[in-house]
C-alpha atoms as a PDB file:
ATOM      1  CA  UNK A   1      -6.000   0.488   6.540  1.00  0.00           C
ATOM      2  CA  UNK A   2      -8.063   0.691   9.643  1.00  0.00           C
ATOM      3  CA  UNK A   3      -6.792   2.683  12.608  1.00  0.00           C
ATOM      4  CA  UNK A   4      -5.900  -0.523  14.434  1.00  0.00           C
ATOM      5  CA  UNK A   5      -3.957  -1.895  11.452  1.00  0.00           C
ATOM      6  CA  UNK A   6      -2.101   1.381  10.970  1.00  0.00           C
ATOM      7  CA  UNK A   7      -1.187   1.529  14.659  1.00  0.00           C
ATOM      8  CA  UNK A   8       0.182  -2.026  14.547  1.00  0.00           C
ATOM      9  CA  UNK A   9       2.243  -1.364  11.409  1.00  0.00           C
ATOM     10  CA  UNK A  10       3.511   1.970  12.732  1.00  0.00           C
ATOM     11  CA  UNK A  11       4.572   0.399  16.009  1.00  0.00           C
ATOM     12  CA  UNK A  12       6.317  -2.513  14.285  1.00  0.00           C
ATOM     13  CA  UNK A  13       8.134  -0.326  11.731  1.00  0.00           C
ATOM     14  CA  UNK A  14       8.620   2.825  13.849  1.00  0.00           C
ATOM     15  CA  UNK A  15       6.377   5.019  11.746  1.00  0.00           C
ATOM     16  CA  UNK A  16       3.574   7.418  12.602  1.00  0.00           C
ATOM     17  CA  UNK A  17      -0.099   7.024  11.822  1.00  0.00           C
ATOM     18  CA  UNK A  18      -2.094   9.602   9.905  1.00  0.00           C
ATOM     19  CA  UNK A  19      -5.822   9.746   9.170  1.00  0.00           C
ATOM     20  CA  UNK A  20      -6.171  10.958   5.596  1.00  0.00           C
ATOM     21  CA  UNK A  21      -9.940  11.245   5.895  1.00  0.00           C
ATOM     22  CA  UNK A  22     -12.854   9.002   5.102  1.00  0.00           C
ATOM     23  CA  UNK A  23     -11.694   6.361   7.575  1.00  0.00           C
ATOM     24  CA  UNK A  24      -8.434   5.791   5.673  1.00  0.00           C
ATOM     25  CA  UNK A  25      -5.358   5.456   7.862  1.00  0.00           C
ATOM     26  CA  UNK A  26      -1.775   5.626   6.589  1.00  0.00           C
ATOM     27  CA  UNK A  27       1.640   5.011   8.072  1.00  0.00           C
ATOM     28  CA  UNK A  28       4.154   7.809   7.503  1.00  0.00           C
ATOM     29  CA  UNK A  29       7.932   7.558   7.723  1.00  0.00           C
ATOM     30  CA  UNK A  30      10.054  10.722   7.773  1.00  0.00           C
ATOM     31  CA  UNK A  31      13.420   9.623   6.395  1.00  0.00           C
ATOM     32  CA  UNK A  32      16.839  11.050   7.285  1.00  0.00           C
ATOM     33  CA  UNK A  33      17.301  12.501   3.785  1.00  0.00           C
ATOM     34  CA  UNK A  34      14.137  14.595   4.175  1.00  0.00           C
ATOM     35  CA  UNK A  35      11.997  12.377   1.991  1.00  0.00           C
ATOM     36  CA  UNK A  36       8.719  10.918   3.206  1.00  0.00           C
ATOM     37  CA  UNK A  37       7.458   7.368   2.705  1.00  0.00           C
ATOM     38  CA  UNK A  38       3.714   6.840   3.047  1.00  0.00           C
ATOM     39  CA  UNK A  39       2.240   3.353   3.309  1.00  0.00           C
ATOM     40  CA  UNK A  40      -1.381   2.392   2.747  1.00  0.00           C
ATOM     41  CA  UNK A  41      -2.785  -1.101   2.504  1.00  0.00           C
ATOM     42  CA  UNK A  42      -2.071  -1.222  -1.237  1.00  0.00           C
ATOM     43  CA  UNK A  43       0.844   1.112  -2.036  1.00  0.00           C
ATOM     44  CA  UNK A  44       3.964   2.742  -0.636  1.00  0.00           C
ATOM     45  CA  UNK A  45       4.668   6.211  -2.054  1.00  0.00           C
ATOM     46  CA  UNK A  46       7.972   8.066  -1.716  1.00  0.00           C
ATOM     47  CA  UNK A  47       7.913  11.869  -1.760  1.00  0.00           C
ATOM     48  CA  UNK A  48      11.000  14.066  -2.065  1.00  0.00           C
ATOM     49  CA  UNK A  49       9.910  16.349   0.783  1.00  0.00           C
ATOM     50  CA  UNK A  50       6.924  17.801   2.613  1.00  0.00           C
ATOM     51  CA  UNK A  51       6.001  20.073  -0.305  1.00  0.00           C
ATOM     52  CA  UNK A  52       5.904  17.094  -2.690  1.00  0.00           C
ATOM     53  CA  UNK A  53       3.776  15.165  -0.197  1.00  0.00           C
ATOM     54  CA  UNK A  54       1.399  18.096   0.259  1.00  0.00           C
ATOM     55  CA  UNK A  55       0.940  18.391  -3.512  1.00  0.00           C
ATOM     56  CA  UNK A  56       0.644  14.626  -4.082  1.00  0.00           C
ATOM     57  CA  UNK A  57       3.744  14.404  -6.281  1.00  0.00           C
ATOM     58  CA  UNK A  58       5.220  10.990  -5.467  1.00  0.00           C
ATOM     59  CA  UNK A  59       8.700  10.326  -6.836  1.00  0.00           C
ATOM     60  CA  UNK A  60       8.342   6.547  -6.634  1.00  0.00           C
ATOM     61  CA  UNK A  61       5.747   4.011  -5.662  1.00  0.00           C
ATOM     62  CA  UNK A  62       5.506   0.307  -4.936  1.00  0.00           C
ATOM     63  CA  UNK A  63       2.190  -1.484  -5.409  1.00  0.00           C
ATOM     64  CA  UNK A  64       1.591  -4.043  -2.679  1.00  0.00           C
ATOM     65  CA  UNK A  65      -1.051  -6.091  -4.535  1.00  0.00           C
END
């Protein structure tokens, strides 16, 4: 996602934007149960917690294409 796209999605869905590097922008949702959902333009990943996110260990994913 571009920065503009990520900002629009984050605003609409009450998430936060994050630049993962290389011009790639993501939308991050910190959920009440402590898990983290991260949305790109082609996938949504669910991580159990910050440590799982930091190590790239997604519990679930949903391909958007």
